[in-house]
Protein backbone atom coordinates (compact mmCIF):
# COMPACT_ATOMS: atom_id res chain seq x y z
CA VAL A 1 5.78 8.20 -1.28
CA GLN A 2 3.87 5.00 0.15
CA LEU A 3 3.22 2.55 -1.76
CA GLN A 4 0.40 -0.48 -1.90
CA ALA A 5 0.87 -3.45 -4.11
CA SER A 6 -2.15 -5.78 -4.85
CA GLY A 7 -3.24 -8.02 -7.68
CA GLY A 8 -1.24 -11.03 -6.81
CA GLY A 9 -2.63 -14.64 -7.07
CA LEU A 10 -2.66 -18.22 -8.06
CA VAL A 11 -2.98 -18.88 -11.89
CA GLN A 12 -2.20 -21.59 -14.18
CA ALA A 13 1.18 -21.70 -16.51
CA GLY A 14 0.39 -19.88 -19.44
CA GLY A 15 -2.19 -17.39 -17.81
CA SER A 16 -2.00 -13.77 -16.94
CA LEU A 17 -2.15 -11.53 -14.18
CA ARG A 18 -2.19 -7.53 -13.54
CA LEU A 19 -0.57 -6.13 -10.14
CA THR A 20 -1.21 -2.56 -9.46
CA CYS A 21 0.69 -0.26 -7.14
CA ALA A 22 -1.21 2.69 -5.51
CA GLY A 23 0.84 5.28 -4.36
CA ALA A 24 -0.13 7.81 -2.07
CA GLY A 25 1.42 11.22 -1.12
CA ARG A 26 2.76 13.96 -3.03
CA ALA A 27 5.24 14.07 -5.97
CA PHE A 28 4.49 10.39 -7.46
CA ALA A 29 4.92 11.81 -11.04
CA ASP A 30 8.72 12.73 -10.16
CA TYR A 31 9.72 8.76 -9.18
CA THR A 32 10.78 6.16 -11.47
CA MET A 33 8.66 3.30 -10.87
CA GLY A 34 9.68 -0.41 -10.62
CA TRP A 35 8.88 -4.08 -9.94
CA PHE A 36 11.15 -6.13 -8.26
CA ARG A 37 10.32 -10.00 -6.88
CA GLN A 38 11.88 -12.44 -4.62
CA ALA A 39 11.27 -16.38 -4.86
CA PRO A 40 11.57 -18.44 -1.94
CA GLY A 41 15.20 -18.96 -1.11
CA LYS A 42 16.49 -16.41 -3.50
CA GLU A 43 17.56 -13.07 -3.85
CA ARG A 44 15.42 -10.04 -4.69
CA GLU A 45 15.75 -9.35 -8.59
CA PHE A 46 14.77 -6.36 -10.88
CA VAL A 47 11.74 -7.16 -13.17
CA ALA A 48 10.78 -3.88 -14.68
CA SER A 49 11.02 -0.11 -14.66
CA ILE A 50 9.36 3.27 -16.09
CA SER A 51 10.41 6.48 -16.08
CA TRP A 52 8.17 9.25 -14.64
CA THR A 53 6.99 10.14 -18.18
CA GLY A 54 6.24 6.71 -18.87
CA ILE A 55 8.07 6.99 -22.00
CA ASN A 56 11.21 4.90 -20.97
CA THR A 57 10.82 0.98 -19.69
CA VAL A 58 13.06 -1.42 -18.93
CA TYR A 59 12.72 -4.85 -18.55
CA ALA A 60 14.63 -7.87 -16.86
CA ASP A 61 15.74 -10.46 -20.02
CA SER A 62 13.69 -13.09 -18.23
CA VAL A 63 10.19 -11.27 -18.64
CA LYS A 64 10.82 -9.33 -21.77
CA ASP A 65 8.24 -10.30 -24.28
CA ARG A 66 5.76 -11.55 -21.58
CA PHE A 67 5.25 -8.74 -19.02
CA SER A 68 4.14 -4.92 -19.73
CA ILE A 69 5.08 -2.06 -17.25
CA SER A 70 2.57 1.30 -17.29
CA ARG A 71 1.48 4.05 -15.36
CA ASP A 72 -1.28 6.55 -14.97
CA ASN A 73 0.27 9.75 -12.87
CA ALA A 74 -3.01 11.41 -12.43
CA LYS A 75 -4.25 7.73 -10.20
CA LYS A 76 -0.69 7.53 -8.53
CA THR A 77 -0.52 3.85 -9.90
CA VAL A 78 1.62 1.87 -11.77
CA TYR A 79 0.84 -1.80 -13.25
CA LEU A 80 2.54 -4.84 -14.42
CA ARG A 81 0.51 -6.95 -17.03
CA MET A 82 1.83 -10.23 -16.85
CA ASN A 83 1.10 -13.07 -19.66
CA ASP A 84 2.07 -16.09 -20.21
CA LEU A 85 3.02 -16.80 -16.78
CA GLU A 86 5.72 -20.00 -16.00
CA PRO A 87 6.04 -21.53 -12.89
CA GLU A 88 9.57 -19.74 -12.58
CA ASP A 89 7.68 -16.27 -12.11
CA THR A 90 6.47 -17.65 -8.69
CA ALA A 91 7.49 -15.17 -6.05
CA ALA A 92 6.59 -12.06 -4.02
CA TYR A 93 6.22 -9.26 -6.18
CA TYR A 94 7.04 -5.63 -4.56
CA CYS A 95 6.75 -2.40 -6.26
CA ALA A 96 9.22 0.59 -5.55
CA ALA A 97 10.07 4.03 -6.36
CA LYS A 98 13.15 5.80 -7.24
CA SER A 99 14.26 9.47 -7.01
CA GLY A 100 17.95 9.55 -7.49
CA PRO A 101 20.10 6.64 -7.53
CA SER A 102 18.63 4.24 -5.39
CA TRP A 103 15.40 2.52 -4.74
CA SER A 104 14.08 4.61 -1.73
CA ASN A 105 10.34 3.38 -1.12
CA TRP A 106 9.27 0.29 -1.19
CA GLY A 107 5.77 -1.59 -0.96
CA GLN A 108 4.51 -4.70 0.77
CA GLY A 109 4.76 -7.38 -1.27
CA THR A 110 2.08 -9.34 -3.26
CA LEU A 111 2.07 -13.06 -3.99
CA VAL A 112 2.04 -14.59 -7.06
CA THR A 113 1.89 -18.46 -7.66
CA VAL A 114 2.14 -20.05 -10.93
CA SER A 115 1.20 -23.58 -11.04
CA SER A 116 2.31 -26.14 -13.64
């Protein structure tokens, strides 16, 4: 599955953004989908994931209660709603797909910048 992320931008602290990851190819619904981020000078880190059914979600502690992941398999799309953004959330955000034990497919990053 090919992935294309979008929706990043510049936002003030306390603001909101919604990231979108559009999938192309067959069997999108078979994949667990996730979002990761990488801040300048830091390692890429896990943000959130959602099972293929959309029922099970997992969040990093740093974003729990502020971010929400969802998916629409008919549209082959996964979303990341980000509320109450903080400057520490500034990073390039990547969507990824997992079929099996590892994250095997990655989209290009979309940049989120949160100003204080």
